C-alpha atoms as a PDB file:
ATOM      1  CA  MET A   1     -14.556  -3.502  42.140  1.00  0.00           C
ATOM      2  CA  ASN A   2     -13.017  -4.351  38.470  1.00  0.00           C
ATOM      3  CA  ASN A   3     -12.127  -7.951  38.068  1.00  0.00           C
ATOM      4  CA  THR A   4     -11.123  -7.953  34.341  1.00  0.00           C
ATOM      5  CA  THR A   5      -7.785  -8.731  32.805  1.00  0.00           C
ATOM      6  CA  PRO A   6      -6.321  -6.130  30.878  1.00  0.00           C
ATOM      7  CA  ASN A   7      -5.076  -7.716  27.976  1.00  0.00           C
ATOM      8  CA  VAL A   8      -1.327  -8.250  27.440  1.00  0.00           C
ATOM      9  CA  ALA A   9       0.417  -7.376  24.218  1.00  0.00           C
ATOM     10  CA  SER A  10       2.393 -10.701  23.258  1.00  0.00           C
ATOM     11  CA  ALA A  11       5.566 -10.790  21.617  1.00  0.00           C
ATOM     12  CA  GLU A  12       7.345 -13.241  19.559  1.00  0.00           C
ATOM     13  CA  HIS A  13       9.843 -15.581  20.428  1.00  0.00           C
ATOM     14  CA  HIS A  14      11.837 -18.469  19.098  1.00  0.00           C
ATOM     15  CA  ALA A  15      11.053 -21.827  19.361  1.00  0.00           C
ATOM     16  CA  SER A  16      12.761 -25.037  18.803  1.00  0.00           C
ATOM     17  CA  THR A  17      11.992 -27.808  16.920  1.00  0.00           C
ATOM     18  CA  LEU A  18      13.747 -31.412  16.137  1.00  0.00           C
ATOM     19  CA  PRO A  19      15.227 -31.790  12.462  1.00  0.00           C
ATOM     20  CA  GLY A  20      12.296 -33.502  10.357  1.00  0.00           C
ATOM     21  CA  ALA A  21      14.580 -36.377   8.601  1.00  0.00           C
ATOM     22  CA  PRO A  22      15.923 -38.260  11.541  1.00  0.00           C
ATOM     23  CA  MET A  23      12.954 -38.144  13.107  1.00  0.00           C
ATOM     24  CA  VAL A  24      11.178 -39.687   9.810  1.00  0.00           C
ATOM     25  CA  ILE A  25      14.367 -42.367   9.839  1.00  0.00           C
ATOM     26  CA  LEU A  26      13.198 -43.048  14.029  1.00  0.00           C
ATOM     27  CA  TRP A  27       9.632 -43.609  12.625  1.00  0.00           C
ATOM     28  CA  ILE A  28      10.730 -45.973  10.070  1.00  0.00           C
ATOM     29  CA  VAL A  29      12.710 -48.266  12.375  1.00  0.00           C
ATOM     30  CA  THR A  30       9.959 -48.055  15.173  1.00  0.00           C
ATOM     31  CA  PHE A  31       7.140 -48.844  12.576  1.00  0.00           C
ATOM     32  CA  PHE A  32       8.704 -52.013  10.823  1.00  0.00           C
ATOM     33  CA  GLY A  33      10.558 -53.078  13.980  1.00  0.00           C
ATOM     34  CA  GLY A  34       7.399 -53.045  15.587  1.00  0.00           C
ATOM     35  CA  LEU A  35       5.893 -54.709  12.856  1.00  0.00           C
ATOM     36  CA  ALA A  36       8.446 -57.568  12.559  1.00  0.00           C
ATOM     37  CA  VAL A  37       8.261 -58.128  16.284  1.00  0.00           C
ATOM     38  CA  PHE A  38       4.575 -58.823  15.945  1.00  0.00           C
ATOM     39  CA  ILE A  39       4.395 -60.588  13.133  1.00  0.00           C
ATOM     40  CA  LEU A  40       7.342 -63.060  14.411  1.00  0.00           C
ATOM     41  CA  GLY A  41       5.747 -62.979  17.828  1.00  0.00           C
ATOM     42  CA  LEU A  42       2.408 -64.326  16.184  1.00  0.00           C
ATOM     43  CA  ILE A  43       4.418 -66.714  14.552  1.00  0.00           C
ATOM     44  CA  ASN A  44       6.015 -68.157  16.928  1.00  0.00           C
ATOM     45  CA  GLN A  45       3.549 -67.570  19.982  1.00  0.00           C
ATOM     46  CA  ASN A  46       4.114 -70.945  21.688  1.00  0.00           C
ATOM     47  CA  SER A  47       7.692 -70.660  22.417  1.00  0.00           C
ATOM     48  CA  TRP A  48       7.957 -66.745  22.934  1.00  0.00           C
ATOM     49  CA  PRO A  49       6.626 -64.702  25.599  1.00  0.00           C
ATOM     50  CA  HIS A  50       3.369 -63.229  25.158  1.00  0.00           C
ATOM     51  CA  GLY A  51       4.609 -59.912  26.215  1.00  0.00           C
ATOM     52  CA  ILE A  52       6.667 -59.622  22.988  1.00  0.00           C
ATOM     53  CA  ILE A  53       3.355 -59.596  20.482  1.00  0.00           C
ATOM     54  CA  TRP A  54       1.774 -56.795  22.716  1.00  0.00           C
ATOM     55  CA  VAL A  55       5.335 -54.735  22.409  1.00  0.00           C
ATOM     56  CA  GLY A  56       5.597 -55.146  18.286  1.00  0.00           C
ATOM     57  CA  ALA A  57       1.506 -53.811  18.811  1.00  0.00           C
ATOM     58  CA  ILE A  58       2.372 -50.800  20.310  1.00  0.00           C
ATOM     59  CA  SER A  59       5.588 -50.149  18.405  1.00  0.00           C
ATOM     60  CA  ILE A  60       3.751 -50.263  15.023  1.00  0.00           C
ATOM     61  CA  THR A  61       0.579 -47.703  16.935  1.00  0.00           C
ATOM     62  CA  ILE A  62       2.807 -44.995  18.303  1.00  0.00           C
ATOM     63  CA  PRO A  63       4.762 -44.043  15.450  1.00  0.00           C
ATOM     64  CA  TRP A  64       1.009 -43.055  13.838  1.00  0.00           C
ATOM     65  CA  PHE A  65       0.671 -40.507  16.736  1.00  0.00           C
ATOM     66  CA  LEU A  66       3.977 -39.055  15.569  1.00  0.00           C
ATOM     67  CA  LEU A  67       3.146 -37.963  12.086  1.00  0.00           C
ATOM     68  CA  PRO A  68       0.998 -34.838  13.020  1.00  0.00           C
ATOM     69  CA  GLY A  69       4.274 -33.382  14.258  1.00  0.00           C
ATOM     70  CA  PHE A  70       6.402 -33.391  10.723  1.00  0.00           C
ATOM     71  CA  PHE A  71       5.699 -29.937   9.000  1.00  0.00           C
ATOM     72  CA  ILE A  72       7.910 -28.163   6.121  1.00  0.00           C
ATOM     73  CA  LEU A  73       8.182 -24.312   6.169  1.00  0.00           C
ATOM     74  CA  GLN A  74       9.026 -22.573   2.805  1.00  0.00           C
ATOM     75  CA  PRO A  75      11.048 -19.665   2.801  1.00  0.00           C
ATOM     76  CA  ASN A  76       9.429 -16.212   4.344  1.00  0.00           C
ATOM     77  CA  GLU A  77       6.857 -18.755   5.943  1.00  0.00           C
ATOM     78  CA  ALA A  78       6.802 -19.181   9.675  1.00  0.00           C
ATOM     79  CA  ARG A  79       4.365 -21.685  12.050  1.00  0.00           C
ATOM     80  CA  VAL A  80       3.243 -20.383  15.510  1.00  0.00           C
ATOM     81  CA  LEU A  81       3.620 -23.122  17.948  1.00  0.00           C
ATOM     82  CA  VAL A  82       0.384 -23.332  20.966  1.00  0.00           C
ATOM     83  CA  LEU A  83       0.821 -26.157  23.232  1.00  0.00           C
ATOM     84  CA  PHE A  84      -2.493 -26.749  25.293  1.00  0.00           C
ATOM     85  CA  GLY A  85      -3.462 -23.185  25.002  1.00  0.00           C
ATOM     86  CA  LYS A  86       0.335 -21.739  25.492  1.00  0.00           C
ATOM     87  CA  TYR A  87       1.978 -20.459  23.201  1.00  0.00           C
ATOM     88  CA  ARG A  88       5.315 -21.701  22.815  1.00  0.00           C
ATOM     89  CA  GLY A  89       7.517 -19.708  20.289  1.00  0.00           C
ATOM     90  CA  THR A  90       7.761 -19.511  16.548  1.00  0.00           C
ATOM     91  CA  VAL A  91       9.422 -21.479  13.457  1.00  0.00           C
ATOM     92  CA  ARG A  92      10.938 -19.405  10.716  1.00  0.00           C
ATOM     93  CA  LYS A  93      13.484 -21.441   9.648  1.00  0.00           C
ATOM     94  CA  ALA A  94      12.901 -23.215   6.079  1.00  0.00           C
ATOM     95  CA  GLY A  95      13.042 -26.798   6.380  1.00  0.00           C
ATOM     96  CA  PHE A  96      11.728 -30.038   7.798  1.00  0.00           C
ATOM     97  CA  HIS A  97      10.853 -29.603  11.070  1.00  0.00           C
ATOM     98  CA  TRP A  98       8.951 -32.043  13.727  1.00  0.00           C
ATOM     99  CA  VAL A  99       7.382 -30.868  16.852  1.00  0.00           C
ATOM    100  CA  ASN A 100       5.505 -32.293  20.027  1.00  0.00           C
ATOM    101  CA  PRO A 101       2.043 -33.595  17.837  1.00  0.00           C
ATOM    102  CA  PHE A 102      -0.240 -31.956  20.332  1.00  0.00           C
ATOM    103  CA  THR A 103       0.820 -28.726  19.141  1.00  0.00           C
ATOM    104  CA  ASP A 104      -0.978 -26.823  16.942  1.00  0.00           C
ATOM    105  CA  LYS A 105       0.835 -25.348  14.335  1.00  0.00           C
ATOM    106  CA  PRO A 106      -0.955 -22.104  12.487  1.00  0.00           C
ATOM    107  CA  LYS A 107       1.253 -20.809   9.265  1.00  0.00           C
ATOM    108  CA  LEU A 108       1.543 -17.215   8.709  1.00  0.00           C
ATOM    109  CA  SER A 109       3.115 -15.759   5.288  1.00  0.00           C
ATOM    110  CA  LEU A 110       5.986 -13.396   6.154  1.00  0.00           C
ATOM    111  CA  ARG A 111       5.889 -12.443   2.308  1.00  0.00           C
ATOM    112  CA  ALA A 112       4.962  -8.206   1.249  1.00  0.00           C
ATOM    113  CA  ARG A 113       1.390  -8.191   0.308  1.00  0.00           C
ATOM    114  CA  ASN A 114      -0.496  -5.943  -1.197  1.00  0.00           C
ATOM    115  CA  GLN A 115      -3.616  -4.508   0.227  1.00  0.00           C
ATOM    116  CA  GLU A 116      -5.672  -2.960  -2.466  1.00  0.00           C
ATOM    117  CA  GLY A 117      -8.634  -0.631  -1.215  1.00  0.00           C
ATOM    118  CA  GLU A 118     -11.985  -0.288  -2.811  1.00  0.00           C
ATOM    119  CA  SER A 119     -12.750   3.328  -3.921  1.00  0.00           C
ATOM    120  CA  LEU A 120     -13.784   5.580  -1.452  1.00  0.00           C
ATOM    121  CA  LYS A 121     -16.586   8.574  -1.335  1.00  0.00           C
ATOM    122  CA  VAL A 122     -15.182  11.509   1.124  1.00  0.00           C
ATOM    123  CA  ASN A 123     -15.284  14.837   1.411  1.00  0.00           C
ATOM    124  CA  ASP A 124     -11.813  16.615   1.474  1.00  0.00           C
ATOM    125  CA  LYS A 125     -10.670  19.698   3.445  1.00  0.00           C
ATOM    126  CA  GLN A 126     -12.471  21.887   1.625  1.00  0.00           C
ATOM    127  CA  GLY A 127     -15.924  19.701   1.491  1.00  0.00           C
ATOM    128  CA  ASN A 128     -16.212  18.746  -1.985  1.00  0.00           C
ATOM    129  CA  PRO A 129     -17.147  14.810  -2.724  1.00  0.00           C
ATOM    130  CA  ILE A 130     -14.150  12.598  -4.118  1.00  0.00           C
ATOM    131  CA  GLU A 131     -13.470   9.458  -4.928  1.00  0.00           C
ATOM    132  CA  ILE A 132     -10.312   7.995  -3.270  1.00  0.00           C
ATOM    133  CA  ALA A 133      -8.473   5.008  -3.353  1.00  0.00           C
ATOM    134  CA  ALA A 134      -4.830   3.396  -2.130  1.00  0.00           C
ATOM    135  CA  VAL A 135      -2.778   0.670  -2.351  1.00  0.00           C
ATOM    136  CA  VAL A 136      -0.609  -1.191   0.949  1.00  0.00           C
ATOM    137  CA  VAL A 137       2.124  -2.731   0.904  1.00  0.00           C
ATOM    138  CA  TRP A 138       2.465  -4.806   4.085  1.00  0.00           C
ATOM    139  CA  GLN A 139       4.035  -7.531   5.765  1.00  0.00           C
ATOM    140  CA  VAL A 140       3.773  -9.552   9.400  1.00  0.00           C
ATOM    141  CA  ARG A 141       7.042  -8.397  11.397  1.00  0.00           C
ATOM    142  CA  ASP A 142       5.949 -10.042  14.907  1.00  0.00           C
ATOM    143  CA  THR A 143       3.323 -13.624  14.377  1.00  0.00           C
ATOM    144  CA  ALA A 144       2.675 -13.816  17.768  1.00  0.00           C
ATOM    145  CA  LYS A 145       1.079 -10.000  18.007  1.00  0.00           C
ATOM    146  CA  ALA A 146      -0.683 -10.259  14.570  1.00  0.00           C
ATOM    147  CA  LEU A 147      -2.343 -14.018  15.717  1.00  0.00           C
ATOM    148  CA  PHE A 148      -3.333 -13.208  19.640  1.00  0.00           C
ATOM    149  CA  ASP A 149      -4.029  -9.513  19.707  1.00  0.00           C
ATOM    150  CA  VAL A 150      -6.104  -8.917  17.090  1.00  0.00           C
ATOM    151  CA  ASN A 151      -8.987 -11.275  15.966  1.00  0.00           C
ATOM    152  CA  ASN A 152      -8.405 -11.093  12.644  1.00  0.00           C
ATOM    153  CA  TYR A 153      -5.288  -9.133  11.570  1.00  0.00           C
ATOM    154  CA  GLU A 154      -5.875  -9.331   7.668  1.00  0.00           C
ATOM    155  CA  ASP A 155      -9.565  -7.822   8.141  1.00  0.00           C
ATOM    156  CA  PHE A 156      -7.462  -5.202  10.649  1.00  0.00           C
ATOM    157  CA  VAL A 157      -5.752  -4.231   8.156  1.00  0.00           C
ATOM    158  CA  ARG A 158      -7.798  -3.638   5.575  1.00  0.00           C
ATOM    159  CA  ILE A 159     -10.403  -1.644   7.701  1.00  0.00           C
ATOM    160  CA  GLN A 160      -7.318   0.367   9.512  1.00  0.00           C
ATOM    161  CA  SER A 161      -6.114   1.448   5.896  1.00  0.00           C
ATOM    162  CA  GLU A 162      -9.777   2.381   4.852  1.00  0.00           C
ATOM    163  CA  THR A 163     -10.140   4.413   7.891  1.00  0.00           C
ATOM    164  CA  ALA A 164      -6.379   6.078   7.619  1.00  0.00           C
ATOM    165  CA  LEU A 165      -6.947   6.766   4.320  1.00  0.00           C
ATOM    166  CA  ARG A 166     -10.475   8.577   5.297  1.00  0.00           C
ATOM    167  CA  HIS A 167      -8.903  10.417   7.800  1.00  0.00           C
ATOM    168  CA  VAL A 168      -5.809  11.459   5.245  1.00  0.00           C
ATOM    169  CA  ALA A 169      -8.107  12.459   2.596  1.00  0.00           C
ATOM    170  CA  SER A 170      -9.851  15.138   4.816  1.00  0.00           C
ATOM    171  CA  MET A 171      -6.947  16.807   5.616  1.00  0.00           C
ATOM    172  CA  TYR A 172      -5.969  17.747   2.085  1.00  0.00           C
ATOM    173  CA  ALA A 173      -7.738  19.888  -0.450  1.00  0.00           C
ATOM    174  CA  TYR A 174      -8.240  18.189  -3.729  1.00  0.00           C
ATOM    175  CA  ASP A 175      -6.519  20.544  -6.305  1.00  0.00           C
ATOM    176  CA  HIS A 176      -6.819  24.159  -4.659  1.00  0.00           C
ATOM    177  CA  GLY A 177      -5.311  24.941  -1.052  1.00  0.00           C
ATOM    178  CA  GLU A 178      -4.653  27.948  -0.032  1.00  0.00           C
ATOM    179  CA  GLU A 179      -0.945  29.577  -1.393  1.00  0.00           C
ATOM    180  CA  HIS A 180       2.182  26.983  -0.776  1.00  0.00           C
ATOM    181  CA  GLU A 181      -0.287  24.297   0.453  1.00  0.00           C
ATOM    182  CA  VAL A 182       0.070  20.336  -0.237  1.00  0.00           C
ATOM    183  CA  THR A 183      -3.124  19.018  -2.344  1.00  0.00           C
ATOM    184  CA  LEU A 184      -4.389  15.571  -3.020  1.00  0.00           C
ATOM    185  CA  ARG A 185      -3.448  15.858  -5.952  1.00  0.00           C
ATOM    186  CA  ALA A 186      -0.439  17.805  -6.554  1.00  0.00           C
ATOM    187  CA  GLY A 187       1.213  16.740  -3.095  1.00  0.00           C
ATOM    188  CA  GLY A 188       1.647  12.878  -4.150  1.00  0.00           C
ATOM    189  CA  ASP A 189       4.707  12.294  -2.477  1.00  0.00           C
ATOM    190  CA  GLU A 190       4.070  14.656   1.034  1.00  0.00           C
ATOM    191  CA  VAL A 191       0.095  12.375   1.204  1.00  0.00           C
ATOM    192  CA  ALA A 192       1.692   8.949   0.538  1.00  0.00           C
ATOM    193  CA  LYS A 193       4.338  10.152   3.667  1.00  0.00           C
ATOM    194  CA  THR A 194       1.495  11.187   5.834  1.00  0.00           C
ATOM    195  CA  LEU A 195      -0.886   7.865   5.144  1.00  0.00           C
ATOM    196  CA  CYS A 196       2.009   5.522   5.588  1.00  0.00           C
ATOM    197  CA  THR A 197       2.568   7.329   8.960  1.00  0.00           C
ATOM    198  CA  GLU A 198      -0.561   7.335  10.226  1.00  0.00           C
ATOM    199  CA  LEU A 199      -0.882   3.212   9.182  1.00  0.00           C
ATOM    200  CA  ARG A 200       2.264   2.601  10.974  1.00  0.00           C
ATOM    201  CA  GLU A 201       0.463   4.046  14.556  1.00  0.00           C
ATOM    202  CA  ARG A 202      -2.906   2.236  13.649  1.00  0.00           C
ATOM    203  CA  LEU A 203      -1.323  -1.367  13.247  1.00  0.00           C
ATOM    204  CA  ALA A 204       1.408  -1.236  15.606  1.00  0.00           C
ATOM    205  CA  THR A 205      -0.230  -3.491  17.534  1.00  0.00           C
ATOM    206  CA  THR A 206      -0.664  -6.230  15.353  1.00  0.00           C
ATOM    207  CA  GLY A 207       2.509  -7.126  14.389  1.00  0.00           C
ATOM    208  CA  VAL A 208       2.273  -5.465  10.961  1.00  0.00           C
ATOM    209  CA  ASP A 209       5.099  -3.389   9.778  1.00  0.00           C
ATOM    210  CA  VAL A 210       3.589  -0.919   6.315  1.00  0.00           C
ATOM    211  CA  LEU A 211       6.391  -0.915   3.715  1.00  0.00           C
ATOM    212  CA  GLU A 212       4.541   1.523   1.540  1.00  0.00           C
ATOM    213  CA  ALA A 213       1.474   3.174   1.184  1.00  0.00           C
ATOM    214  CA  ARG A 214       0.300   5.498  -2.187  1.00  0.00           C
ATOM    215  CA  LEU A 215      -2.570   7.170  -3.626  1.00  0.00           C
ATOM    216  CA  MET A 216      -3.854   4.694  -6.615  1.00  0.00           C
ATOM    217  CA  HIS A 217      -7.279   6.524  -7.546  1.00  0.00           C
ATOM    218  CA  LEU A 218      -8.291  10.157  -6.906  1.00  0.00           C
ATOM    219  CA  ALA A 219     -11.226  11.908  -8.689  1.00  0.00           C
ATOM    220  CA  TYR A 220     -13.947  14.192  -8.280  1.00  0.00           C
ATOM    221  CA  ALA A 221     -17.267  12.305  -7.030  1.00  0.00           C
ATOM    222  CA  PRO A 222     -20.115  12.334 -10.456  1.00  0.00           C
ATOM    223  CA  GLU A 223     -22.069  14.752  -8.994  1.00  0.00           C
ATOM    224  CA  ILE A 224     -19.778  17.605  -9.223  1.00  0.00           C
ATOM    225  CA  ALA A 225     -17.257  15.988 -11.732  1.00  0.00           C
ATOM    226  CA  SER A 226     -18.467  18.224 -14.586  1.00  0.00           C
ATOM    227  CA  ALA A 227     -18.777  21.695 -12.764  1.00  0.00           C
ATOM    228  CA  MET A 228     -15.172  20.810 -11.397  1.00  0.00           C
ATOM    229  CA  LEU A 229     -13.599  20.497 -15.015  1.00  0.00           C
ATOM    230  CA  ARG A 230     -15.469  23.573 -15.972  1.00  0.00           C
ATOM    231  CA  ARG A 231     -13.664  25.628 -13.497  1.00  0.00           C
ATOM    232  CA  GLN A 232     -10.420  23.515 -14.612  1.00  0.00           C
ATOM    233  CA  GLN A 233     -10.871  24.711 -18.298  1.00  0.00           C
ATOM    234  CA  ALA A 234     -11.954  28.338 -17.287  1.00  0.00           C
ATOM    235  CA  GLU A 235      -8.861  28.633 -15.050  1.00  0.00           C
ATOM    236  CA  ALA A 236      -6.705  26.863 -17.940  1.00  0.00           C
ATOM    237  CA  VAL A 237      -8.229  29.431 -20.655  1.00  0.00           C
ATOM    238  CA  ILE A 238      -7.543  32.487 -17.558  1.00  0.00           C
ATOM    239  CA  ALA A 239      -3.662  31.057 -17.471  1.00  0.00           C
ATOM    240  CA  ALA A 240      -3.062  30.857 -21.091  1.00  0.00           C
ATOM    241  CA  ARG A 241      -4.554  34.166 -21.780  1.00  0.00           C
ATOM    242  CA  ARG A 242      -2.247  35.673 -19.031  1.00  0.00           C
ATOM    243  CA  LYS A 243       0.345  34.353 -20.398  1.00  0.00           C
ATOM    244  CA  ILE A 244      -0.309  35.285 -24.136  1.00  0.00           C
ATOM    245  CA  VAL A 245      -0.997  39.035 -23.434  1.00  0.00           C
ATOM    246  CA  HIS A 246       2.116  38.960 -20.892  1.00  0.00           C
ATOM    247  CA  GLY A 247       4.095  37.718 -23.789  1.00  0.00           C
ATOM    248  CA  ALA A 248       2.336  39.924 -26.368  1.00  0.00           C
ATOM    249  CA  VAL A 249       3.028  43.580 -24.099  1.00  0.00           C
ATOM    250  CA  SER A 250       6.869  42.347 -23.838  1.00  0.00           C
ATOM    251  CA  MET A 251       6.707  42.141 -27.539  1.00  0.00           C
ATOM    252  CA  VAL A 252       4.800  45.245 -28.438  1.00  0.00           C
ATOM    253  CA  GLU A 253       7.766  47.184 -26.060  1.00  0.00           C
ATOM    254  CA  MET A 254      10.923  45.439 -27.807  1.00  0.00           C
ATOM    255  CA  ALA A 255       8.887  46.731 -31.298  1.00  0.00           C
ATOM    256  CA  LEU A 256       8.754  50.266 -30.005  1.00  0.00           C
ATOM    257  CA  HIS A 257      12.192  49.815 -28.112  1.00  0.00           C
ATOM    258  CA  GLU A 258      13.842  48.736 -31.758  1.00  0.00           C
ATOM    259  CA  LEU A 259      12.132  51.476 -33.576  1.00  0.00           C
ATOM    260  CA  SER A 260      13.104  54.156 -31.704  1.00  0.00           C
ATOM    261  CA  GLU A 261      16.800  53.349 -30.910  1.00  0.00           C
ATOM    262  CA  LYS A 262      17.288  52.398 -34.849  1.00  0.00           C
ATOM    263  CA  GLY A 263      15.805  55.667 -35.805  1.00  0.00           C
ATOM    264  CA  VAL A 264      13.558  53.511 -38.859  1.00  0.00           C
ATOM    265  CA  ILE A 265      10.515  55.644 -38.181  1.00  0.00           C
ATOM    266  CA  THR A 266       9.236  58.338 -35.331  1.00  0.00           C
ATOM    267  CA  LEU A 267       5.834  58.066 -33.597  1.00  0.00           C
ATOM    268  CA  ASP A 268       3.606  60.515 -32.350  1.00  0.00           C
ATOM    269  CA  ASP A 269       1.691  59.428 -29.546  1.00  0.00           C
ATOM    270  CA  GLU A 270      -1.360  59.101 -31.417  1.00  0.00           C
ATOM    271  CA  ARG A 271       0.377  56.479 -34.099  1.00  0.00           C
ATOM    272  CA  LYS A 272       2.303  54.816 -31.082  1.00  0.00           C
ATOM    273  CA  ALA A 273      -1.338  54.144 -29.463  1.00  0.00           C
ATOM    274  CA  GLY A 274      -2.581  52.695 -32.920  1.00  0.00           C
ATOM    275  CA  MET A 275       0.298  50.738 -33.323  1.00  0.00           C
ATOM    276  CA  VAL A 276       0.474  49.067 -30.034  1.00  0.00           C
ATOM    277  CA  SER A 277      -3.612  48.374 -30.939  1.00  0.00           C
ATOM    278  CA  ASN A 278      -3.083  46.849 -33.582  1.00  0.00           C
ATOM    279  CA  LEU A 279      -0.259  44.651 -32.877  1.00  0.00           C
ATOM    280  CA  MET A 280      -2.223  43.613 -29.298  1.00  0.00           C
ATOM    281  CA  VAL A 281      -4.828  42.476 -31.286  1.00  0.00           C
ATOM    282  CA  VAL A 282      -2.846  40.839 -33.714  1.00  0.00           C
ATOM    283  CA  LEU A 283      -0.560  39.024 -30.923  1.00  0.00           C
ATOM    284  CA  CYS A 284      -3.490  37.772 -29.057  1.00  0.00           C
ATOM    285  CA  ALA A 285      -6.069  37.087 -31.553  1.00  0.00           C
ATOM    286  CA  GLU A 286      -7.642  33.601 -31.278  1.00  0.00           C
ATOM    287  CA  SER A 287      -7.811  33.280 -35.529  1.00  0.00           C
ATOM    288  CA  SER A 288      -5.210  34.576 -37.483  1.00  0.00           C
ATOM    289  CA  VAL A 289      -5.541  38.381 -38.214  1.00  0.00           C
ATOM    290  CA  HIS A 290      -6.116  39.814 -41.874  1.00  0.00           C
ATOM    291  CA  PRO A 291      -4.406  43.010 -42.154  1.00  0.00           C
ATOM    292  CA  VAL A 292      -6.118  46.280 -44.213  1.00  0.00           C
ATOM    293  CA  VAL A 293      -3.300  47.808 -45.975  1.00  0.00           C
ATOM    294  CA  ASN A 294      -3.795  51.913 -46.690  1.00  0.00           C
ATOM    295  CA  ALA A 295      -2.323  52.266 -50.190  1.00  0.00           C
ATOM    296  CA  GLY A 296      -3.710  55.748 -49.848  1.00  0.00           C
ATOM    297  CA  THR A 297      -2.003  59.347 -48.739  1.00  0.00           C
ATOM    298  CA  LEU A 298       1.558  59.347 -47.174  1.00  0.00           C
ATOM    299  CA  HIS A 299       2.074  61.653 -44.592  1.00  0.00           C
ATOM    300  CA  HIS A 300       4.864  64.273 -45.165  1.00  0.00           C
END
C-alpha cells in the first residue's frame, strides 16, 4: 500500500491587508499614550490604582510586536503571505500595508527578467558539434506556484532553459539540411518559436511565463570550425562560378544572336566555336585577359 501523498498544485489568490498609514497612527497613539499613562502612574502611584502602571506598561510593549506586520510594496512586486505554514494569499497592490505580524512575507519580483544562458556544446541534427546559447525573457505569473511547487524557481528556469536549448539544437541542422528544411543558422524565427513553445511547456508548473526566447550565439565547435569554414568557402566559390558561367553563356548567346540578326559578319561553325571559346575565357577568367590581335591576312 502506498501511503505517499501526491503533490497538490498551488494556485495564487488575493490576500487582504490593512492600510499601513492608519495602523501607524494607531501604533503612535498606543505607544505614546501608554508611555504617558505609565509615567503618570509612577508619579501618582500613591493616589492612583496600581493597575494603571501595568496598563501603561502593556500599552508600551504591544506596539513593538506589531512592527513586523508593516511592509511596503513597489510596483511589479508581490508578497506571499504564509501564516503558521498555511498559504494565506498574495498581495500585488503597491503601497504601504499591514498584516498579522506573525505572517511570513517572502517578496517576489513580477518584472520581466533576462536569462542569459552559457554557451553549450551540443550536437546538431547531423551530429556536428556546435556551440549554442540563448537568452530567455521571463516573468513570474503565479506567485504561489513559483514559491511552493518548485524548490527554487530561478534555478529551475535556468536548468530547464539549458535542457530545452539542448533538445531544440538536436532537432535542426546547423546550416546544411535537406531541401527547404529549417536550419539553426537560417531559420532564426522558426527556431526561436520552437524554443519558446518548449520552454512554456516545461515551465508551466512553476507559474513562470516565457515572453521570448532567442539564440544569441551559434557557431561550430573549435575542433571542426576550420574544416567547416573551408567547406563554406568552397561552396561560396562554386556558387559564384555557377553564376558567372550562367551569365557568360547568356552574353555569348546574345552576342551571336545580335551579329547574326544585324548581318555584321557571317560566321561558320568553326569560327563560331572559336569566338565562343574566346568570349568564355574573357568572361570567366579570374584576372584581366590580354587579347592578341591578329594583324595578318584577311579572309576573302
